[in-house]
Amino acid sequence: MTAITQGSRVRMHYSLQLEGGFVVDSSGNEPLEFVLGDGTLEAGLERHLLGLETGAQREFAIAPGSVFPFPDKSAVQEMERAAFPDGMPLESGMIYEFNTPAGDAIPGRIVDVGEGTVTVDFNHPLAGQPFLFIAEILDIDGDGAIDAHGSGD
């Protein structure tokens, strides 16, 4: 049976869960298909997949700061309320997608809503948090090609 190595094409389901069970990210109904090392997953998560075989189901406890950095205070910014569309609901804890001047989309979590300002935290939602990385390996192909039926063997 093929085991995951650097450069393997992998098809898997995954989820990232906080200790209370809240799912921060997951593959949803459609499996994630990627080549290990292509940057699709954070390198700190990829290393846990090395050596796993098709059919493996694993949970990995991820320590704070080991995959995502600790929060950076400079990533918390105060914005004018007028920068948000009229009628847009703004509540603490909500996550919105913002566009950078370069056109890249980044998530930001609303921290506080004041009279004329909104405080937004642009740190990764898992920055400084312990979480579970849950992976179910559906298919592996060592040469990077999974056929249309999902069998890489």
Protein backbone atom coordinates (compact mmCIF):
# COMPACT_ATOMS: atom_id res chain seq x y z
CA MET A 1 0.00 0.00 0.00
CA THR A 2 1.24 3.50 -0.84
CA ALA A 3 2.17 5.80 2.03
CA ILE A 4 2.16 9.59 1.84
CA THR A 5 5.54 11.11 1.04
CA GLN A 6 6.63 14.56 -0.14
CA GLY A 7 5.15 15.06 -3.65
CA SER A 8 2.34 12.51 -3.21
CA ARG A 9 -1.06 13.51 -4.60
CA VAL A 10 -3.49 13.11 -1.70
CA ARG A 11 -7.28 13.09 -1.59
CA MET A 12 -8.63 13.49 1.92
CA HIS A 13 -11.29 14.87 4.21
CA TYR A 14 -10.07 17.06 7.05
CA SER A 15 -11.28 19.40 9.74
CA LEU A 16 -9.66 21.84 12.13
CA GLN A 17 -11.54 21.94 15.43
CA LEU A 18 -11.16 24.01 18.55
CA GLU A 19 -11.13 22.15 21.86
CA GLY A 20 -14.87 22.75 22.35
CA GLY A 21 -15.64 21.03 19.04
CA PHE A 22 -16.21 24.21 16.99
CA VAL A 23 -15.11 23.49 13.40
CA VAL A 24 -12.94 26.36 12.14
CA ASP A 25 -12.22 24.84 8.71
CA SER A 26 -13.00 21.61 6.90
CA SER A 27 -13.11 19.97 3.49
CA GLY A 28 -16.90 19.84 3.78
CA ASN A 29 -18.68 17.39 1.48
CA GLU A 30 -15.99 17.51 -1.20
CA PRO A 31 -12.59 16.02 -0.37
CA LEU A 32 -9.48 18.15 -0.63
CA GLU A 33 -7.10 17.01 -3.38
CA PHE A 34 -3.55 18.37 -3.38
CA VAL A 35 0.12 17.49 -3.77
CA LEU A 36 1.97 17.30 -0.44
CA GLY A 37 4.36 20.23 -0.39
CA ASP A 38 2.47 22.46 -2.85
CA GLY A 39 1.42 24.91 -0.11
CA THR A 40 -2.26 23.96 -0.05
CA LEU A 41 -1.93 22.98 3.62
CA GLU A 42 0.32 24.63 6.17
CA ALA A 43 3.64 22.76 6.42
CA GLY A 44 2.97 22.17 10.12
CA LEU A 45 -0.16 20.19 9.20
CA GLU A 46 1.40 18.39 6.24
CA ARG A 47 4.13 16.83 8.38
CA HIS A 48 1.45 14.89 10.31
CA LEU A 49 0.31 13.24 7.06
CA LEU A 50 3.71 11.77 6.16
CA GLY A 51 3.62 7.98 6.29
CA LEU A 52 -0.18 7.67 6.44
CA GLU A 53 -1.82 5.19 4.07
CA THR A 54 -5.15 5.11 2.27
CA GLY A 55 -7.97 4.55 4.75
CA ALA A 56 -6.10 6.09 7.69
CA GLN A 57 -8.17 8.24 10.05
CA ARG A 58 -6.19 10.25 12.57
CA GLU A 59 -6.63 13.08 15.06
CA PHE A 60 -3.63 15.24 15.87
CA ALA A 61 -3.57 17.61 18.85
CA ILE A 62 -1.88 20.80 17.65
CA ALA A 63 -0.19 22.96 20.29
CA PRO A 64 -0.63 26.76 20.24
CA GLY A 65 1.92 28.49 18.02
CA SER A 66 3.20 25.27 16.42
CA VAL A 67 1.37 25.67 13.08
CA PHE A 68 -0.07 29.17 13.16
CA PRO A 69 1.88 31.94 14.88
CA PHE A 70 0.87 33.55 18.13
CA PRO A 71 -1.34 36.62 17.71
CA ASP A 72 0.37 39.84 16.58
CA LYS A 73 -1.03 42.99 18.22
CA SER A 74 -0.30 45.01 15.08
CA ALA A 75 -2.77 42.81 13.16
CA VAL A 76 -5.64 44.26 15.24
CA GLN A 77 -6.84 47.41 13.53
CA GLU A 78 -9.47 50.01 14.20
CA MET A 79 -11.50 50.95 11.11
CA GLU A 80 -14.08 53.63 10.46
CA ARG A 81 -17.67 52.30 10.56
CA ALA A 82 -18.19 54.16 7.26
CA ALA A 83 -15.76 51.69 5.60
CA PHE A 84 -18.44 48.99 5.93
CA PRO A 85 -21.60 48.85 3.79
CA ASP A 86 -24.71 50.44 5.30
CA GLY A 87 -26.91 47.84 6.94
CA MET A 88 -24.10 45.28 7.21
CA PRO A 89 -24.55 43.47 10.54
CA LEU A 90 -21.43 43.93 12.66
CA GLU A 91 -21.15 41.87 15.83
CA SER A 92 -18.18 40.77 17.91
CA GLY A 93 -16.92 37.36 16.82
CA MET A 94 -18.18 37.58 13.24
CA ILE A 95 -15.61 36.84 10.52
CA TYR A 96 -15.66 38.79 7.26
CA GLU A 97 -13.51 38.70 4.16
CA PHE A 98 -11.58 41.89 3.44
CA ASN A 99 -9.62 42.86 0.34
CA THR A 100 -6.06 44.17 0.66
CA PRO A 101 -4.85 47.05 -1.54
CA ALA A 102 -3.18 44.36 -3.70
CA GLY A 103 -6.57 42.67 -4.20
CA ASP A 104 -5.92 39.65 -1.97
CA ALA A 105 -8.79 38.41 0.23
CA ILE A 106 -8.04 37.97 3.95
CA PRO A 107 -10.34 37.07 6.84
CA GLY A 108 -10.84 39.45 9.72
CA ARG A 109 -12.71 38.85 12.97
CA ILE A 110 -14.78 41.67 14.45
CA VAL A 111 -13.50 42.29 17.98
CA ASP A 112 -15.48 45.37 18.96
CA VAL A 113 -18.11 47.66 17.44
CA GLY A 114 -18.06 51.22 18.72
CA GLU A 115 -20.05 54.36 17.83
CA GLY A 116 -18.01 55.24 14.75
CA THR A 117 -15.32 52.57 14.70
CA VAL A 118 -15.00 48.81 14.29
CA THR A 119 -12.02 46.90 15.68
CA VAL A 120 -10.95 44.03 13.42
CA ASP A 121 -8.45 41.27 14.22
CA PHE A 122 -6.60 40.10 11.08
CA ASN A 123 -4.64 37.38 12.91
CA HIS A 124 -5.35 33.84 11.71
CA PRO A 125 -8.40 32.53 13.66
CA LEU A 126 -6.22 29.72 15.07
CA ALA A 127 -3.32 32.00 16.06
CA GLY A 128 -2.24 30.97 19.55
CA GLN A 129 -5.04 28.39 19.86
CA PRO A 130 -4.73 24.67 20.54
CA PHE A 131 -6.82 22.69 18.05
CA LEU A 132 -7.38 19.26 16.54
CA PHE A 133 -6.36 18.40 12.98
CA ILE A 134 -8.57 15.50 11.92
CA ALA A 135 -7.66 13.72 8.67
CA GLU A 136 -9.21 10.85 6.73
CA ILE A 137 -7.02 9.71 3.84
CA LEU A 138 -9.19 8.63 0.90
CA ASP A 139 -6.54 8.12 -1.75
CA ILE A 140 -2.81 8.53 -2.39
CA ASP A 141 -0.79 8.47 -5.56
CA GLY A 142 2.99 8.61 -5.36
CA ASP A 143 3.46 10.07 -8.83
CA GLY A 144 0.86 12.81 -8.40
CA ALA A 145 -2.01 11.40 -10.51
CA ILE A 146 -5.27 10.08 -9.09
CA ASP A 147 -7.53 8.62 -11.76
CA ALA A 148 -11.16 9.62 -12.28
CA HIS A 149 -12.39 6.77 -10.07
CA GLY A 150 -10.33 7.98 -7.11
CA SER A 151 -7.89 5.09 -7.18
CA GLY A 152 -4.24 6.00 -7.24
CA ASP A 153 -3.04 2.41 -7.04
